[in-house]
N, C-alpha and C. Protein backbone atom coordinates (compact mmCIF):
# COMPACT_ATOMS: atom_id res chain seq x y z
N MET A 1 44.11 27.30 36.90
CA MET A 1 43.86 25.95 36.41
C MET A 1 42.55 25.40 36.96
N ILE A 2 42.35 25.54 38.24
CA ILE A 2 41.11 25.06 38.85
C ILE A 2 39.92 25.85 38.33
N LEU A 3 40.10 27.14 38.15
CA LEU A 3 39.03 27.99 37.63
C LEU A 3 38.65 27.57 36.21
N ASN A 4 39.62 27.24 35.39
CA ASN A 4 39.34 26.77 34.03
C ASN A 4 38.58 25.44 34.05
N ASN A 5 38.96 24.56 34.96
CA ASN A 5 38.26 23.28 35.08
C ASN A 5 36.82 23.48 35.53
N LEU A 6 36.61 24.40 36.46
CA LEU A 6 35.25 24.69 36.92
C LEU A 6 34.41 25.30 35.80
N LYS A 7 35.01 26.17 35.01
CA LYS A 7 34.30 26.75 33.87
C LYS A 7 33.89 25.66 32.88
N ALA A 8 34.82 24.76 32.59
CA ALA A 8 34.53 23.68 31.65
C ALA A 8 33.41 22.79 32.17
N ILE A 9 33.45 22.48 33.45
CA ILE A 9 32.40 21.65 34.06
C ILE A 9 31.06 22.38 34.01
N PHE A 10 31.07 23.67 34.32
CA PHE A 10 29.84 24.46 34.29
C PHE A 10 29.25 24.51 32.88
N ILE A 11 30.08 24.73 31.89
CA ILE A 11 29.62 24.78 30.50
C ILE A 11 29.07 23.42 30.08
N PHE A 12 29.75 22.36 30.46
CA PHE A 12 29.29 21.01 30.13
C PHE A 12 27.90 20.74 30.71
N PHE A 13 27.72 21.01 31.99
CA PHE A 13 26.43 20.75 32.62
C PHE A 13 25.33 21.68 32.11
N THR A 14 25.68 22.89 31.75
CA THR A 14 24.70 23.80 31.16
C THR A 14 24.22 23.26 29.82
N CYS A 15 25.14 22.82 28.99
CA CYS A 15 24.76 22.25 27.69
C CYS A 15 23.95 20.97 27.87
N LEU A 16 24.34 20.15 28.81
CA LEU A 16 23.62 18.91 29.09
C LEU A 16 22.20 19.20 29.55
N THR A 17 22.05 20.17 30.43
CA THR A 17 20.73 20.53 30.94
C THR A 17 19.84 21.10 29.84
N LEU A 18 20.38 21.97 29.02
CA LEU A 18 19.58 22.56 27.94
C LEU A 18 19.18 21.52 26.90
N SER A 19 20.06 20.59 26.61
CA SER A 19 19.71 19.56 25.63
C SER A 19 18.69 18.59 26.20
N ALA A 20 18.69 18.39 27.51
CA ALA A 20 17.72 17.49 28.13
C ALA A 20 16.31 18.04 28.05
N CYS A 21 16.17 19.35 27.97
CA CYS A 21 14.83 19.95 27.88
C CYS A 21 14.09 19.47 26.64
N SER A 22 14.79 19.19 25.58
CA SER A 22 14.12 18.72 24.36
C SER A 22 13.55 17.32 24.53
N LEU A 23 13.99 16.58 25.53
CA LEU A 23 13.47 15.25 25.77
C LEU A 23 12.04 15.28 26.29
N PHE A 24 11.59 16.43 26.77
CA PHE A 24 10.29 16.54 27.39
C PHE A 24 9.24 17.15 26.47
N ASP A 25 9.53 17.29 25.18
CA ASP A 25 8.54 17.77 24.23
C ASP A 25 7.48 16.70 24.02
N ILE A 26 6.23 17.13 23.91
CA ILE A 26 5.17 16.17 23.63
C ILE A 26 4.95 16.07 22.13
N GLN A 27 4.30 15.00 21.74
CA GLN A 27 3.98 14.77 20.33
C GLN A 27 3.12 15.91 19.81
N GLN A 28 3.51 16.51 18.70
CA GLN A 28 2.76 17.60 18.08
C GLN A 28 2.01 17.08 16.86
N LEU A 29 0.97 17.80 16.47
CA LEU A 29 0.28 17.44 15.23
C LEU A 29 1.18 17.76 14.05
N ASP A 30 1.24 16.84 13.10
CA ASP A 30 2.00 17.10 11.88
C ASP A 30 1.35 18.23 11.11
N ASP A 31 2.16 18.95 10.34
CA ASP A 31 1.62 20.04 9.53
C ASP A 31 0.59 19.55 8.52
N LYS A 32 0.74 18.31 8.08
CA LYS A 32 -0.15 17.75 7.06
C LYS A 32 -1.44 17.17 7.65
N THR A 33 -1.51 17.05 8.97
CA THR A 33 -2.67 16.43 9.59
C THR A 33 -3.91 17.29 9.41
N LYS A 34 -4.91 16.69 8.80
CA LYS A 34 -6.19 17.37 8.58
C LYS A 34 -7.06 17.18 9.83
N VAL A 35 -8.28 17.61 9.74
CA VAL A 35 -9.20 17.45 10.86
C VAL A 35 -9.53 15.97 11.02
N VAL A 36 -9.26 15.44 12.20
CA VAL A 36 -9.60 14.08 12.54
C VAL A 36 -10.48 14.15 13.78
N LYS A 37 -11.72 13.71 13.65
CA LYS A 37 -12.67 13.76 14.76
C LYS A 37 -12.47 12.56 15.67
N ILE A 38 -12.69 12.78 16.96
CA ILE A 38 -12.53 11.73 17.95
C ILE A 38 -13.89 11.41 18.55
N TYR A 39 -14.22 10.12 18.59
CA TYR A 39 -15.49 9.67 19.17
C TYR A 39 -15.22 8.61 20.22
N ASP A 40 -16.11 8.57 21.23
CA ASP A 40 -15.99 7.52 22.24
C ASP A 40 -17.20 6.59 22.23
N ALA A 41 -18.17 6.86 21.36
CA ALA A 41 -19.35 6.01 21.23
C ALA A 41 -19.41 5.45 19.81
N PHE A 42 -19.67 4.16 19.71
CA PHE A 42 -19.68 3.49 18.41
C PHE A 42 -20.79 4.00 17.50
N GLU A 43 -21.87 4.51 18.07
CA GLU A 43 -22.99 4.99 17.26
C GLU A 43 -22.57 6.07 16.26
N HIS A 44 -21.56 6.83 16.60
CA HIS A 44 -21.12 7.93 15.73
C HIS A 44 -20.36 7.44 14.49
N ILE A 45 -19.80 6.24 14.57
CA ILE A 45 -18.96 5.76 13.46
C ILE A 45 -19.47 4.45 12.86
N ASN A 46 -20.68 4.02 13.22
CA ASN A 46 -21.16 2.72 12.73
C ASN A 46 -21.41 2.69 11.22
N GLN A 47 -21.54 3.85 10.56
CA GLN A 47 -21.71 3.90 9.10
C GLN A 47 -20.39 4.17 8.37
N CYS A 48 -19.30 4.22 9.11
CA CYS A 48 -17.99 4.55 8.54
C CYS A 48 -17.23 3.30 8.13
N GLN A 49 -16.23 3.48 7.29
CA GLN A 49 -15.39 2.38 6.83
C GLN A 49 -14.19 2.21 7.76
N PHE A 50 -14.07 1.02 8.37
CA PHE A 50 -12.94 0.73 9.25
C PHE A 50 -11.65 0.69 8.44
N ILE A 51 -10.59 1.29 8.97
CA ILE A 51 -9.29 1.28 8.28
C ILE A 51 -8.28 0.42 9.03
N ASN A 52 -8.03 0.75 10.29
CA ASN A 52 -7.02 0.01 11.04
C ASN A 52 -7.11 0.36 12.52
N GLU A 53 -6.41 -0.42 13.33
CA GLU A 53 -6.32 -0.14 14.76
C GLU A 53 -5.13 0.77 15.03
N LEU A 54 -5.25 1.54 16.10
CA LEU A 54 -4.21 2.50 16.46
C LEU A 54 -3.87 2.38 17.93
N ILE A 55 -2.64 2.69 18.25
CA ILE A 55 -2.21 2.85 19.64
C ILE A 55 -1.46 4.16 19.72
N GLY A 56 -1.99 5.08 20.51
CA GLY A 56 -1.35 6.38 20.71
C GLY A 56 -0.77 6.44 22.10
N SER A 57 0.46 6.87 22.21
CA SER A 57 1.12 6.89 23.52
C SER A 57 2.00 8.11 23.66
N GLU A 58 2.13 8.57 24.89
CA GLU A 58 3.00 9.70 25.21
C GLU A 58 3.52 9.51 26.62
N GLY A 59 4.81 9.73 26.80
CA GLY A 59 5.43 9.66 28.12
C GLY A 59 6.41 8.51 28.23
N THR A 60 7.38 8.71 29.08
CA THR A 60 8.40 7.71 29.34
C THR A 60 8.72 7.69 30.82
N TRP A 61 9.46 6.70 31.25
CA TRP A 61 9.79 6.58 32.66
C TRP A 61 10.64 7.74 33.14
N TYR A 62 11.38 8.39 32.26
CA TYR A 62 12.25 9.48 32.69
C TYR A 62 11.63 10.86 32.50
N SER A 63 10.49 10.97 31.83
CA SER A 63 9.93 12.30 31.59
C SER A 63 8.62 12.56 32.32
N TYR A 64 7.98 11.53 32.86
CA TYR A 64 6.63 11.72 33.40
C TYR A 64 6.58 12.67 34.59
N LEU A 65 7.67 12.81 35.31
CA LEU A 65 7.69 13.72 36.46
C LEU A 65 7.69 15.18 36.03
N PHE A 66 8.10 15.45 34.81
CA PHE A 66 8.27 16.82 34.34
C PHE A 66 7.19 17.27 33.35
N VAL A 67 6.30 16.35 32.97
CA VAL A 67 5.26 16.66 32.00
C VAL A 67 3.91 16.43 32.67
N SER A 68 2.99 17.38 32.54
CA SER A 68 1.69 17.27 33.20
C SER A 68 0.84 16.17 32.55
N ASN A 69 -0.14 15.68 33.30
CA ASN A 69 -1.06 14.68 32.77
C ASN A 69 -1.81 15.21 31.55
N LYS A 70 -2.15 16.48 31.60
CA LYS A 70 -2.84 17.11 30.46
C LYS A 70 -1.98 17.04 29.20
N ASP A 71 -0.70 17.38 29.33
CA ASP A 71 0.20 17.34 28.17
C ASP A 71 0.45 15.91 27.71
N LEU A 72 0.54 14.96 28.65
CA LEU A 72 0.70 13.57 28.25
C LEU A 72 -0.52 13.09 27.46
N THR A 73 -1.71 13.47 27.92
CA THR A 73 -2.94 13.09 27.22
C THR A 73 -3.01 13.74 25.84
N LEU A 74 -2.70 15.02 25.77
CA LEU A 74 -2.71 15.73 24.49
C LEU A 74 -1.70 15.12 23.51
N GLY A 75 -0.52 14.77 24.00
CA GLY A 75 0.48 14.14 23.14
C GLY A 75 0.01 12.80 22.61
N SER A 76 -0.67 12.03 23.44
CA SER A 76 -1.19 10.73 23.01
C SER A 76 -2.29 10.90 21.96
N ILE A 77 -3.16 11.88 22.17
CA ILE A 77 -4.22 12.17 21.19
C ILE A 77 -3.61 12.64 19.87
N ASN A 78 -2.61 13.50 19.95
CA ASN A 78 -1.93 13.97 18.73
C ASN A 78 -1.29 12.80 17.99
N ASP A 79 -0.73 11.85 18.73
CA ASP A 79 -0.13 10.67 18.12
C ASP A 79 -1.20 9.89 17.35
N LEU A 80 -2.38 9.70 17.96
CA LEU A 80 -3.48 9.01 17.27
C LEU A 80 -3.90 9.75 16.01
N LYS A 81 -4.06 11.07 16.11
CA LYS A 81 -4.50 11.86 14.95
C LYS A 81 -3.49 11.79 13.81
N ASN A 82 -2.20 11.86 14.13
CA ASN A 82 -1.17 11.78 13.09
C ASN A 82 -1.19 10.42 12.40
N GLN A 83 -1.34 9.35 13.18
CA GLN A 83 -1.40 8.01 12.60
C GLN A 83 -2.63 7.86 11.71
N ALA A 84 -3.78 8.33 12.21
CA ALA A 84 -5.03 8.22 11.45
C ALA A 84 -4.94 8.99 10.14
N ASN A 85 -4.40 10.18 10.20
CA ASN A 85 -4.26 10.99 8.99
C ASN A 85 -3.35 10.31 7.97
N ALA A 86 -2.28 9.70 8.44
CA ALA A 86 -1.36 9.01 7.54
C ALA A 86 -2.03 7.83 6.83
N MET A 87 -3.07 7.27 7.45
CA MET A 87 -3.80 6.15 6.86
C MET A 87 -4.98 6.60 6.00
N GLY A 88 -5.25 7.89 5.98
CA GLY A 88 -6.38 8.40 5.22
C GLY A 88 -7.68 8.43 6.00
N ALA A 89 -7.61 8.29 7.31
CA ALA A 89 -8.81 8.30 8.16
C ALA A 89 -9.17 9.73 8.55
N ASN A 90 -10.46 9.94 8.80
CA ASN A 90 -10.90 11.25 9.27
C ASN A 90 -11.68 11.15 10.58
N ALA A 91 -11.71 9.95 11.17
CA ALA A 91 -12.39 9.75 12.45
C ALA A 91 -11.65 8.68 13.25
N ILE A 92 -11.70 8.85 14.56
CA ILE A 92 -11.07 7.89 15.48
C ILE A 92 -12.11 7.51 16.53
N HIS A 93 -12.22 6.23 16.78
CA HIS A 93 -13.06 5.74 17.88
C HIS A 93 -12.11 5.26 18.97
N ILE A 94 -12.07 5.99 20.08
CA ILE A 94 -11.21 5.58 21.19
C ILE A 94 -11.95 4.54 22.00
N GLN A 95 -11.36 3.36 22.07
CA GLN A 95 -12.00 2.26 22.77
C GLN A 95 -11.72 2.33 24.27
N TYR A 96 -10.47 2.46 24.64
CA TYR A 96 -10.13 2.59 26.05
C TYR A 96 -8.72 3.11 26.20
N SER A 97 -8.43 3.53 27.42
CA SER A 97 -7.07 3.98 27.73
C SER A 97 -6.41 2.93 28.60
N LEU A 98 -5.12 2.79 28.42
CA LEU A 98 -4.33 1.89 29.24
C LEU A 98 -3.67 2.72 30.33
N ASP A 99 -3.88 2.32 31.57
CA ASP A 99 -3.37 3.11 32.69
C ASP A 99 -1.95 2.67 33.07
N PHE A 100 -1.05 3.61 32.97
CA PHE A 100 0.33 3.43 33.41
C PHE A 100 0.68 4.62 34.30
N ASN A 101 1.64 4.45 35.16
CA ASN A 101 2.06 5.56 36.03
C ASN A 101 2.92 6.57 35.30
N THR A 102 3.54 6.16 34.22
CA THR A 102 4.53 7.03 33.57
C THR A 102 4.12 7.55 32.21
N SER A 103 2.97 7.13 31.70
CA SER A 103 2.57 7.55 30.36
C SER A 103 1.06 7.46 30.19
N VAL A 104 0.58 7.99 29.08
CA VAL A 104 -0.82 7.88 28.70
C VAL A 104 -0.87 7.15 27.36
N THR A 105 -1.67 6.10 27.30
CA THR A 105 -1.79 5.30 26.09
C THR A 105 -3.27 5.06 25.79
N PHE A 106 -3.66 5.26 24.53
CA PHE A 106 -5.02 5.01 24.08
C PHE A 106 -5.02 3.94 23.01
N PHE A 107 -6.01 3.06 23.06
CA PHE A 107 -6.24 2.07 22.01
C PHE A 107 -7.47 2.55 21.24
N ALA A 108 -7.36 2.64 19.92
CA ALA A 108 -8.44 3.20 19.11
C ALA A 108 -8.48 2.53 17.74
N GLN A 109 -9.54 2.86 16.99
CA GLN A 109 -9.67 2.41 15.62
C GLN A 109 -9.82 3.63 14.72
N ALA A 110 -9.21 3.54 13.55
CA ALA A 110 -9.30 4.62 12.56
C ALA A 110 -10.39 4.28 11.56
N TYR A 111 -11.18 5.30 11.20
CA TYR A 111 -12.29 5.13 10.26
C TYR A 111 -12.27 6.25 9.22
N ASP A 112 -12.83 5.91 8.06
CA ASP A 112 -13.08 6.92 7.03
C ASP A 112 -14.59 7.11 6.96
N CYS A 113 -15.03 8.30 7.32
CA CYS A 113 -16.47 8.61 7.36
C CYS A 113 -16.82 9.60 6.26
N ALA A 114 -18.00 9.42 5.69
CA ALA A 114 -18.48 10.37 4.68
C ALA A 114 -18.65 11.73 5.33
N GLN A 115 -18.25 12.75 4.62
CA GLN A 115 -18.31 14.11 5.19
C GLN A 115 -19.68 14.63 5.16
């Protein structure tokens, strides 16, 4: 009886642990996302058509210990690119990053630039 209870507890915690791993996935580029260029200087996009403002973010209070800063940054950039692509933009001007201990967040503008 005790052995069966221990097996059940072990199986429960194993399933819980494996399902928790999916919580630490970073934002991926959508399959439909085309090339979206990223600029940090306004000179590169001053001839482009402004579309909208964007906020890209990655990370949470419970996942930041398990995800590297590089992956948090990449996830935030991917979030910006997916949003820009959904709006029909092909360029992003990153204005600044917001510093948090648990996540990476960028404030940017989406633009449509002549190819």
